[in-house]
Amino acid sequence: MGFLHEGHLSLVRKSKELCNITLVSLFVNPTQFSPSEDLEQYPRDIDRDQKLLIDEGVDFLFMPEVDEIYTKNFQTYVNVEGITQTLEGQFRPTHFRGVTTIVNILFNCVKPDYAFFGQKDAQQAAVIKRMVVDLKLRINLIMCPIVREPDGLAMSSRNIYLSANERKDSLVLNQSLKVAGEMINKGERKSALIISEMFSLINSVVSSNVDYIRIVEADTFEVVDELKQGSEYYILIACRIGSTRLIDNELIKVR
């Protein structure tokens, strides 16, 4: 959705590595915002974005207007069920319908062989994967790792909203993920105990307000009570720091 950072550019570089033509779409999608969310305030800097993409050697930039995508009397939406009903789907009920609709439209406009998504939006990527499988779309989805600031904060366009103090406070998200990883490496398998430690750390910061912390099976996003050896899980966080809603996660394999 623009206001590009190193996380976005890492997707571009992966595309350049695997593909002979790289196209980037920039589109702030109104249908994935609820009336109470930050559509109008969402950061935008098209000139800066274009320069960054030129510097990365992107071949094409697809930047449609809203009325080109959502024409008069637009009435058709793509809705994935099941996986969209939990986590982000609980807190942002219309979000995923907007995501799957716009991604399907962009896929139909561009007809890519590969599409690149970041792990930071892990549930979103899983929803899109489900859509691609169910609708028999001939697209290879590539998941790319989270890119972090030197101090560990996951890169996000919304980080610009954070005040200086909130920026410091936001580091508890990644710190809590590290605590969870250490507990798991030491043999802890009970999700409730791991999540309790994470809550305690995050709640120690006055500006924090946790929406959820969950441990889910990596493919289905089903919440698990106990981790099993050899399985992969996401540890997921959604938390407001001040008025800014941030998400973060860690993909772990229990050994």
C-alpha atoms as a PDB file:
ATOM      1  CA  MET A   1       0.000   0.000   0.000  1.00  0.00           C
ATOM      2  CA  GLY A   2       2.943   2.317  -0.454  1.00  0.00           C
ATOM      3  CA  PHE A   3       5.110   4.372   1.921  1.00  0.00           C
ATOM      4  CA  LEU A   4       7.772   1.791   1.211  1.00  0.00           C
ATOM      5  CA  HIS A   5      10.396   0.580   3.670  1.00  0.00           C
ATOM      6  CA  GLU A   6      13.097  -2.100   3.664  1.00  0.00           C
ATOM      7  CA  GLY A   7      10.514  -4.807   4.301  1.00  0.00           C
ATOM      8  CA  HIS A   8       8.756  -3.975   1.038  1.00  0.00           C
ATOM      9  CA  LEU A   9      12.041  -3.621  -0.817  1.00  0.00           C
ATOM     10  CA  SER A  10      13.128  -7.076   0.365  1.00  0.00           C
ATOM     11  CA  LEU A  11      10.144  -8.471  -1.583  1.00  0.00           C
ATOM     12  CA  VAL A  12      11.278  -6.567  -4.665  1.00  0.00           C
ATOM     13  CA  ARG A  13      14.793  -7.978  -4.333  1.00  0.00           C
ATOM     14  CA  LYS A  14      13.487 -11.521  -3.991  1.00  0.00           C
ATOM     15  CA  SER A  15      11.418 -11.031  -7.123  1.00  0.00           C
ATOM     16  CA  LYS A  16      14.441  -9.684  -8.974  1.00  0.00           C
ATOM     17  CA  GLU A  17      16.342 -12.781  -7.865  1.00  0.00           C
ATOM     18  CA  LEU A  18      13.725 -15.282  -9.081  1.00  0.00           C
ATOM     19  CA  CYS A  19      11.985 -13.528 -11.982  1.00  0.00           C
ATOM     20  CA  ASN A  20      12.976 -11.881 -15.233  1.00  0.00           C
ATOM     21  CA  ILE A  21      10.332  -9.132 -14.933  1.00  0.00           C
ATOM     22  CA  THR A  22       9.326  -7.447 -11.660  1.00  0.00           C
ATOM     23  CA  LEU A  23       6.168  -5.392 -11.302  1.00  0.00           C
ATOM     24  CA  VAL A  24       5.092  -3.583  -8.135  1.00  0.00           C
ATOM     25  CA  SER A  25       1.506  -2.557  -7.456  1.00  0.00           C
ATOM     26  CA  LEU A  26       0.887   0.452  -5.209  1.00  0.00           C
ATOM     27  CA  PHE A  27      -2.697   0.859  -4.074  1.00  0.00           C
ATOM     28  CA  VAL A  28      -4.088   2.024  -0.737  1.00  0.00           C
ATOM     29  CA  ASN A  29      -7.091  -0.265  -0.691  1.00  0.00           C
ATOM     30  CA  PRO A  30     -10.173   1.331   0.903  1.00  0.00           C
ATOM     31  CA  THR A  31     -12.146  -1.916   1.267  1.00  0.00           C
ATOM     32  CA  GLN A  32      -9.757  -3.358   3.864  1.00  0.00           C
ATOM     33  CA  PHE A  33     -10.257  -0.397   6.213  1.00  0.00           C
ATOM     34  CA  SER A  34     -13.246  -0.142   8.535  1.00  0.00           C
ATOM     35  CA  PRO A  35     -14.875   3.300   9.051  1.00  0.00           C
ATOM     36  CA  SER A  36     -12.981   3.657  12.355  1.00  0.00           C
ATOM     37  CA  GLU A  37      -9.551   2.903  10.867  1.00  0.00           C
ATOM     38  CA  ASP A  38      -6.868   5.157   9.408  1.00  0.00           C
ATOM     39  CA  LEU A  39      -7.568   5.181   5.651  1.00  0.00           C
ATOM     40  CA  GLU A  40      -7.336   8.949   5.246  1.00  0.00           C
ATOM     41  CA  GLN A  41      -4.314   9.208   7.553  1.00  0.00           C
ATOM     42  CA  TYR A  42      -2.487   6.220   6.100  1.00  0.00           C
ATOM     43  CA  PRO A  43       1.001   7.498   5.138  1.00  0.00           C
ATOM     44  CA  ARG A  44       1.642   8.185   1.481  1.00  0.00           C
ATOM     45  CA  ASP A  45       4.676   9.448  -0.444  1.00  0.00           C
ATOM     46  CA  ILE A  46       4.364   8.452  -4.085  1.00  0.00           C
ATOM     47  CA  ASP A  47       7.397  10.419  -5.315  1.00  0.00           C
ATOM     48  CA  ARG A  48       9.654   8.774  -2.730  1.00  0.00           C
ATOM     49  CA  ASP A  49       8.179   5.338  -3.489  1.00  0.00           C
ATOM     50  CA  GLN A  50       8.771   5.753  -7.209  1.00  0.00           C
ATOM     51  CA  LYS A  51      12.396   6.752  -6.673  1.00  0.00           C
ATOM     52  CA  LEU A  52      13.018   3.765  -4.406  1.00  0.00           C
ATOM     53  CA  LEU A  53      11.526   1.385  -6.977  1.00  0.00           C
ATOM     54  CA  ILE A  54      13.543   2.896  -9.812  1.00  0.00           C
ATOM     55  CA  ASP A  55      16.699   2.535  -7.718  1.00  0.00           C
ATOM     56  CA  GLU A  56      15.830  -1.155  -7.146  1.00  0.00           C
ATOM     57  CA  GLY A  57      15.455  -1.734 -10.897  1.00  0.00           C
ATOM     58  CA  VAL A  58      11.726  -2.489 -10.897  1.00  0.00           C
ATOM     59  CA  ASP A  59      10.443  -2.946 -14.455  1.00  0.00           C
ATOM     60  CA  PHE A  60       6.867  -1.738 -14.026  1.00  0.00           C
ATOM     61  CA  LEU A  61       4.823   0.182 -11.475  1.00  0.00           C
ATOM     62  CA  PHE A  62       1.055  -0.450 -11.460  1.00  0.00           C
ATOM     63  CA  MET A  63      -0.647   2.379  -9.587  1.00  0.00           C
ATOM     64  CA  PRO A  64      -4.378   2.435 -10.408  1.00  0.00           C
ATOM     65  CA  GLU A  65      -6.883   4.987  -9.136  1.00  0.00           C
ATOM     66  CA  VAL A  66      -9.605   3.850  -6.746  1.00  0.00           C
ATOM     67  CA  ASP A  67     -12.368   4.356  -9.320  1.00  0.00           C
ATOM     68  CA  GLU A  68     -10.464   2.182 -11.809  1.00  0.00           C
ATOM     69  CA  ILE A  69     -10.513  -0.728  -9.366  1.00  0.00           C
ATOM     70  CA  TYR A  70     -13.905  -0.166  -7.757  1.00  0.00           C
ATOM     71  CA  THR A  71     -16.019   1.052 -10.644  1.00  0.00           C
ATOM     72  CA  LYS A  72     -19.525   2.462 -10.256  1.00  0.00           C
ATOM     73  CA  ASN A  73     -21.976  -0.131  -8.849  1.00  0.00           C
ATOM     74  CA  PHE A  74     -19.141  -2.474  -7.844  1.00  0.00           C
ATOM     75  CA  GLN A  75     -20.825  -5.473  -6.189  1.00  0.00           C
ATOM     76  CA  THR A  76     -18.465  -8.463  -6.264  1.00  0.00           C
ATOM     77  CA  TYR A  77     -16.242  -9.532  -3.371  1.00  0.00           C
ATOM     78  CA  VAL A  78     -14.023 -12.537  -2.647  1.00  0.00           C
ATOM     79  CA  ASN A  79     -14.567 -13.992   0.816  1.00  0.00           C
ATOM     80  CA  VAL A  80     -12.422 -16.729   2.367  1.00  0.00           C
ATOM     81  CA  GLU A  81     -14.156 -18.395   5.308  1.00  0.00           C
ATOM     82  CA  GLY A  82     -12.757 -20.250   8.315  1.00  0.00           C
ATOM     83  CA  ILE A  83      -9.243 -18.850   8.644  1.00  0.00           C
ATOM     84  CA  THR A  84     -10.568 -15.270   8.431  1.00  0.00           C
ATOM     85  CA  GLN A  85     -12.882 -15.659  11.431  1.00  0.00           C
ATOM     86  CA  THR A  86     -10.147 -15.571  14.075  1.00  0.00           C
ATOM     87  CA  LEU A  87      -7.349 -13.246  15.250  1.00  0.00           C
ATOM     88  CA  GLU A  88      -7.284 -10.255  12.877  1.00  0.00           C
ATOM     89  CA  GLY A  89     -10.708 -11.297  11.615  1.00  0.00           C
ATOM     90  CA  GLN A  90     -12.180 -10.866  15.097  1.00  0.00           C
ATOM     91  CA  PHE A  91     -10.770  -7.392  15.590  1.00  0.00           C
ATOM     92  CA  ARG A  92     -11.173  -6.216  11.971  1.00  0.00           C
ATOM     93  CA  PRO A  93     -14.274  -8.054  10.677  1.00  0.00           C
ATOM     94  CA  THR A  94     -14.298  -6.577   7.144  1.00  0.00           C
ATOM     95  CA  HIS A  95     -10.533  -6.535   6.667  1.00  0.00           C
ATOM     96  CA  PHE A  96      -9.854  -9.858   4.985  1.00  0.00           C
ATOM     97  CA  ARG A  97     -12.742  -9.571   2.529  1.00  0.00           C
ATOM     98  CA  GLY A  98     -11.132  -6.356   1.327  1.00  0.00           C
ATOM     99  CA  VAL A  99      -7.711  -7.977   1.140  1.00  0.00           C
ATOM    100  CA  THR A 100      -8.775 -11.038  -0.845  1.00  0.00           C
ATOM    101  CA  THR A 101     -10.902  -8.951  -3.191  1.00  0.00           C
ATOM    102  CA  ILE A 102      -8.132  -6.493  -4.054  1.00  0.00           C
ATOM    103  CA  VAL A 103      -5.450  -9.169  -4.326  1.00  0.00           C
ATOM    104  CA  ASN A 104      -7.645 -11.192  -6.676  1.00  0.00           C
ATOM    105  CA  ILE A 105      -8.297  -8.079  -8.777  1.00  0.00           C
ATOM    106  CA  LEU A 106      -4.591  -7.236  -8.919  1.00  0.00           C
ATOM    107  CA  PHE A 107      -3.744 -10.831  -9.839  1.00  0.00           C
ATOM    108  CA  ASN A 108      -6.281 -10.655 -12.673  1.00  0.00           C
ATOM    109  CA  CYS A 109      -4.882  -7.329 -13.904  1.00  0.00           C
ATOM    110  CA  VAL A 110      -1.218  -8.339 -13.793  1.00  0.00           C
ATOM    111  CA  LYS A 111      -1.380 -12.142 -14.238  1.00  0.00           C
ATOM    112  CA  PRO A 112       1.901 -12.822 -12.397  1.00  0.00           C
ATOM    113  CA  ASP A 113       3.717 -16.128 -12.220  1.00  0.00           C
ATOM    114  CA  TYR A 114       4.983 -15.336  -8.713  1.00  0.00           C
ATOM    115  CA  ALA A 115       3.669 -13.091  -5.965  1.00  0.00           C
ATOM    116  CA  PHE A 116       5.720 -12.078  -2.919  1.00  0.00           C
ATOM    117  CA  PHE A 117       4.343 -11.449   0.563  1.00  0.00           C
ATOM    118  CA  GLY A 118       5.956 -10.643   3.885  1.00  0.00           C
ATOM    119  CA  GLN A 119       5.809 -12.849   6.973  1.00  0.00           C
ATOM    120  CA  LYS A 120       4.853  -9.887   9.174  1.00  0.00           C
ATOM    121  CA  ASP A 121       1.307 -10.194   7.812  1.00  0.00           C
ATOM    122  CA  ALA A 122       1.343 -13.943   8.376  1.00  0.00           C
ATOM    123  CA  GLN A 123      -2.405 -14.466   8.640  1.00  0.00           C
ATOM    124  CA  GLN A 124      -3.007 -12.342   5.559  1.00  0.00           C
ATOM    125  CA  ALA A 125      -0.525 -14.452   3.603  1.00  0.00           C
ATOM    126  CA  ALA A 126      -2.242 -17.640   4.806  1.00  0.00           C
ATOM    127  CA  VAL A 127      -5.631 -16.275   3.726  1.00  0.00           C
ATOM    128  CA  ILE A 128      -4.291 -15.404   0.277  1.00  0.00           C
ATOM    129  CA  LYS A 129      -2.721 -18.860  -0.007  1.00  0.00           C
ATOM    130  CA  ARG A 130      -6.114 -20.403   0.796  1.00  0.00           C
ATOM    131  CA  MET A 131      -7.750 -18.243  -1.888  1.00  0.00           C
ATOM    132  CA  VAL A 132      -5.132 -19.214  -4.477  1.00  0.00           C
ATOM    133  CA  VAL A 133      -5.593 -22.919  -3.734  1.00  0.00           C
ATOM    134  CA  ASP A 134      -9.392 -22.823  -3.590  1.00  0.00           C
ATOM    135  CA  LEU A 135      -9.848 -20.732  -6.743  1.00  0.00           C
ATOM    136  CA  LYS A 136      -7.195 -22.718  -8.669  1.00  0.00           C
ATOM    137  CA  LEU A 137      -5.129 -19.635  -9.451  1.00  0.00           C
ATOM    138  CA  ARG A 138      -1.907 -20.415 -11.303  1.00  0.00           C
ATOM    139  CA  ILE A 139       0.349 -18.316  -9.094  1.00  0.00           C
ATOM    140  CA  ASN A 140       3.324 -19.294  -6.949  1.00  0.00           C
ATOM    141  CA  LEU A 141       3.244 -17.508  -3.594  1.00  0.00           C
ATOM    142  CA  ILE A 142       6.594 -16.741  -1.972  1.00  0.00           C
ATOM    143  CA  MET A 143       6.753 -15.818   1.726  1.00  0.00           C
ATOM    144  CA  CYS A 144       9.659 -13.559   2.685  1.00  0.00           C
ATOM    145  CA  PRO A 145      11.040 -13.073   6.221  1.00  0.00           C
ATOM    146  CA  ILE A 146      10.203 -10.154   8.488  1.00  0.00           C
ATOM    147  CA  VAL A 147      12.653  -7.266   8.155  1.00  0.00           C
ATOM    148  CA  ARG A 148      13.410  -5.506  11.431  1.00  0.00           C
ATOM    149  CA  GLU A 149      14.977  -2.277  12.571  1.00  0.00           C
ATOM    150  CA  PRO A 150      18.401  -2.691  14.257  1.00  0.00           C
ATOM    151  CA  ASP A 151      16.663  -2.621  17.665  1.00  0.00           C
ATOM    152  CA  GLY A 152      14.246  -5.397  16.668  1.00  0.00           C
ATOM    153  CA  LEU A 153      11.046  -3.513  15.816  1.00  0.00           C
ATOM    154  CA  ALA A 154       9.345  -5.064  12.791  1.00  0.00           C
ATOM    155  CA  MET A 155       9.308  -2.581   9.924  1.00  0.00           C
ATOM    156  CA  SER A 156       5.868  -1.139   9.202  1.00  0.00           C
ATOM    157  CA  SER A 157       4.517   1.926   7.427  1.00  0.00           C
ATOM    158  CA  ARG A 158       2.571   2.668  10.618  1.00  0.00           C
ATOM    159  CA  ASN A 159       5.738   2.990  12.723  1.00  0.00           C
ATOM    160  CA  ILE A 160       5.818   6.636  11.659  1.00  0.00           C
ATOM    161  CA  TYR A 161       2.808   7.242  13.925  1.00  0.00           C
ATOM    162  CA  LEU A 162       4.791   6.364  17.065  1.00  0.00           C
ATOM    163  CA  SER A 163       6.085   9.144  19.318  1.00  0.00           C
ATOM    164  CA  ALA A 164       9.658   8.890  20.588  1.00  0.00           C
ATOM    165  CA  ASN A 165       8.534   7.301  23.871  1.00  0.00           C
ATOM    166  CA  GLU A 166       6.080   4.977  22.107  1.00  0.00           C
ATOM    167  CA  ARG A 167       8.850   3.928  19.730  1.00  0.00           C
ATOM    168  CA  LYS A 168      10.881   2.751  22.742  1.00  0.00           C
ATOM    169  CA  ASP A 169       7.844   1.066  24.272  1.00  0.00           C
ATOM    170  CA  SER A 170       7.132  -0.814  21.046  1.00  0.00           C
ATOM    171  CA  LEU A 171      10.283  -2.898  21.493  1.00  0.00           C
ATOM    172  CA  VAL A 172       8.448  -5.057  24.058  1.00  0.00           C
ATOM    173  CA  LEU A 173       6.689  -6.855  21.189  1.00  0.00           C
ATOM    174  CA  ASN A 174       9.873  -8.354  19.794  1.00  0.00           C
ATOM    175  CA  GLN A 175      11.284  -8.821  23.300  1.00  0.00           C
ATOM    176  CA  SER A 176       8.248 -10.888  24.268  1.00  0.00           C
ATOM    177  CA  LEU A 177       8.683 -13.060  21.170  1.00  0.00           C
ATOM    178  CA  LYS A 178      12.282 -13.695  22.207  1.00  0.00           C
ATOM    179  CA  VAL A 179      11.111 -14.661  25.708  1.00  0.00           C
ATOM    180  CA  ALA A 180       8.649 -17.106  24.156  1.00  0.00           C
ATOM    181  CA  GLY A 181      11.354 -18.596  21.957  1.00  0.00           C
ATOM    182  CA  GLU A 182      13.683 -19.039  24.929  1.00  0.00           C
ATOM    183  CA  MET A 183      10.949 -20.778  26.931  1.00  0.00           C
ATOM    184  CA  ILE A 184      10.227 -23.160  24.065  1.00  0.00           C
ATOM    185  CA  ASN A 185      13.940 -23.889  23.564  1.00  0.00           C
ATOM    186  CA  LYS A 186      14.151 -24.789  27.267  1.00  0.00           C
ATOM    187  CA  GLY A 187      11.313 -27.266  26.882  1.00  0.00           C
ATOM    188  CA  GLU A 188       8.135 -25.371  27.727  1.00  0.00           C
ATOM    189  CA  ARG A 189       5.211 -26.734  25.695  1.00  0.00           C
ATOM    190  CA  LYS A 190       2.137 -25.198  27.366  1.00  0.00           C
ATOM    191  CA  SER A 191       0.820 -22.290  25.294  1.00  0.00           C
ATOM    192  CA  ALA A 192      -0.925 -20.694  28.275  1.00  0.00           C
ATOM    193  CA  LEU A 193       2.307 -20.410  30.271  1.00  0.00           C
ATOM    194  CA  ILE A 194       4.238 -18.975  27.334  1.00  0.00           C
ATOM    195  CA  ILE A 195       1.498 -16.446  26.562  1.00  0.00           C
ATOM    196  CA  SER A 196       1.234 -15.451  30.237  1.00  0.00           C
ATOM    197  CA  GLU A 197       4.921 -14.497  30.302  1.00  0.00           C
ATOM    198  CA  MET A 198       4.515 -12.504  27.098  1.00  0.00           C
ATOM    199  CA  PHE A 199       1.478 -10.661  28.477  1.00  0.00           C
ATOM    200  CA  SER A 200       3.374  -9.773  31.647  1.00  0.00           C
ATOM    201  CA  LEU A 201       6.240  -8.260  29.693  1.00  0.00           C
ATOM    202  CA  ILE A 202       4.078  -6.312  27.272  1.00  0.00           C
ATOM    203  CA  ASN A 203       1.751  -5.071  30.015  1.00  0.00           C
ATOM    204  CA  SER A 204       4.755  -3.696  31.894  1.00  0.00           C
ATOM    205  CA  VAL A 205       4.735  -0.888  29.319  1.00  0.00           C
ATOM    206  CA  VAL A 206       2.119   1.749  30.195  1.00  0.00           C
ATOM    207  CA  SER A 207       1.326   2.683  26.593  1.00  0.00           C
ATOM    208  CA  SER A 208       0.489  -0.916  25.565  1.00  0.00           C
ATOM    209  CA  ASN A 209      -2.968  -2.363  25.023  1.00  0.00           C
ATOM    210  CA  VAL A 210      -2.894  -5.971  23.788  1.00  0.00           C
ATOM    211  CA  ASP A 211      -5.551  -7.162  21.331  1.00  0.00           C
ATOM    212  CA  TYR A 212      -4.283 -10.732  21.334  1.00  0.00           C
ATOM    213  CA  ILE A 213      -1.336 -13.053  21.801  1.00  0.00           C
ATOM    214  CA  ARG A 214      -1.840 -16.507  20.307  1.00  0.00           C
ATOM    215  CA  ILE A 215       0.156 -19.562  19.350  1.00  0.00           C
ATOM    216  CA  VAL A 216      -1.298 -21.202  16.231  1.00  0.00           C
ATOM    217  CA  GLU A 217      -0.537 -24.086  13.898  1.00  0.00           C
ATOM    218  CA  ALA A 218       1.451 -22.616  11.012  1.00  0.00           C
ATOM    219  CA  ASP A 219      -0.726 -23.888   8.142  1.00  0.00           C
ATOM    220  CA  THR A 220      -4.253 -23.813   9.546  1.00  0.00           C
ATOM    221  CA  PHE A 221      -3.899 -20.966  12.066  1.00  0.00           C
ATOM    222  CA  GLU A 222      -5.775 -23.053  14.593  1.00  0.00           C
ATOM    223  CA  VAL A 223      -4.987 -22.122  18.188  1.00  0.00           C
ATOM    224  CA  VAL A 224      -3.021 -24.819  20.039  1.00  0.00           C
ATOM    225  CA  ASP A 225      -2.918 -25.538  23.774  1.00  0.00           C
ATOM    226  CA  GLU A 226       0.261 -27.591  23.689  1.00  0.00           C
ATOM    227  CA  LEU A 227       3.178 -27.574  21.291  1.00  0.00           C
ATOM    228  CA  LYS A 228       4.361 -30.822  19.747  1.00  0.00           C
ATOM    229  CA  GLN A 229       7.849 -31.811  18.688  1.00  0.00           C
ATOM    230  CA  GLY A 230       8.491 -31.496  14.958  1.00  0.00           C
ATOM    231  CA  SER A 231       5.581 -29.110  14.338  1.00  0.00           C
ATOM    232  CA  GLU A 232       5.688 -25.468  13.176  1.00  0.00           C
ATOM    233  CA  TYR A 233       3.808 -22.660  14.875  1.00  0.00           C
ATOM    234  CA  TYR A 234       3.326 -18.932  14.658  1.00  0.00           C
ATOM    235  CA  ILE A 235       3.485 -16.877  17.827  1.00  0.00           C
ATOM    236  CA  LEU A 236       1.294 -13.888  16.967  1.00  0.00           C
ATOM    237  CA  ILE A 237       0.887 -10.495  18.631  1.00  0.00           C
ATOM    238  CA  ALA A 238      -1.452  -7.596  17.913  1.00  0.00           C
ATOM    239  CA  CYS A 239      -1.026  -4.661  20.280  1.00  0.00           C
ATOM    240  CA  ARG A 240      -1.683  -0.944  20.389  1.00  0.00           C
ATOM    241  CA  ILE A 241       1.189   1.213  21.507  1.00  0.00           C
ATOM    242  CA  GLY A 242      -0.548   4.467  22.248  1.00  0.00           C
ATOM    243  CA  SER A 243      -3.020   4.811  19.386  1.00  0.00           C
ATOM    244  CA  THR A 244      -0.906   2.855  16.871  1.00  0.00           C
ATOM    245  CA  ARG A 245      -1.839  -0.756  16.236  1.00  0.00           C
ATOM    246  CA  LEU A 246       1.167  -2.984  15.576  1.00  0.00           C
ATOM    247  CA  ILE A 247       1.439  -6.666  14.711  1.00  0.00           C
ATOM    248  CA  ASP A 248       4.410  -8.986  14.981  1.00  0.00           C
ATOM    249  CA  ASN A 249       5.104 -12.701  14.951  1.00  0.00           C
ATOM    250  CA  GLU A 250       7.702 -15.421  15.071  1.00  0.00           C
ATOM    251  CA  LEU A 251       7.618 -18.689  13.121  1.00  0.00           C
ATOM    252  CA  ILE A 252       9.070 -21.498  15.207  1.00  0.00           C
ATOM    253  CA  LYS A 253       9.691 -25.202  14.757  1.00  0.00           C
ATOM    254  CA  VAL A 254       9.659 -27.233  17.926  1.00  0.00           C
ATOM    255  CA  ARG A 255      12.680 -29.522  18.055  1.00  0.00           C
END
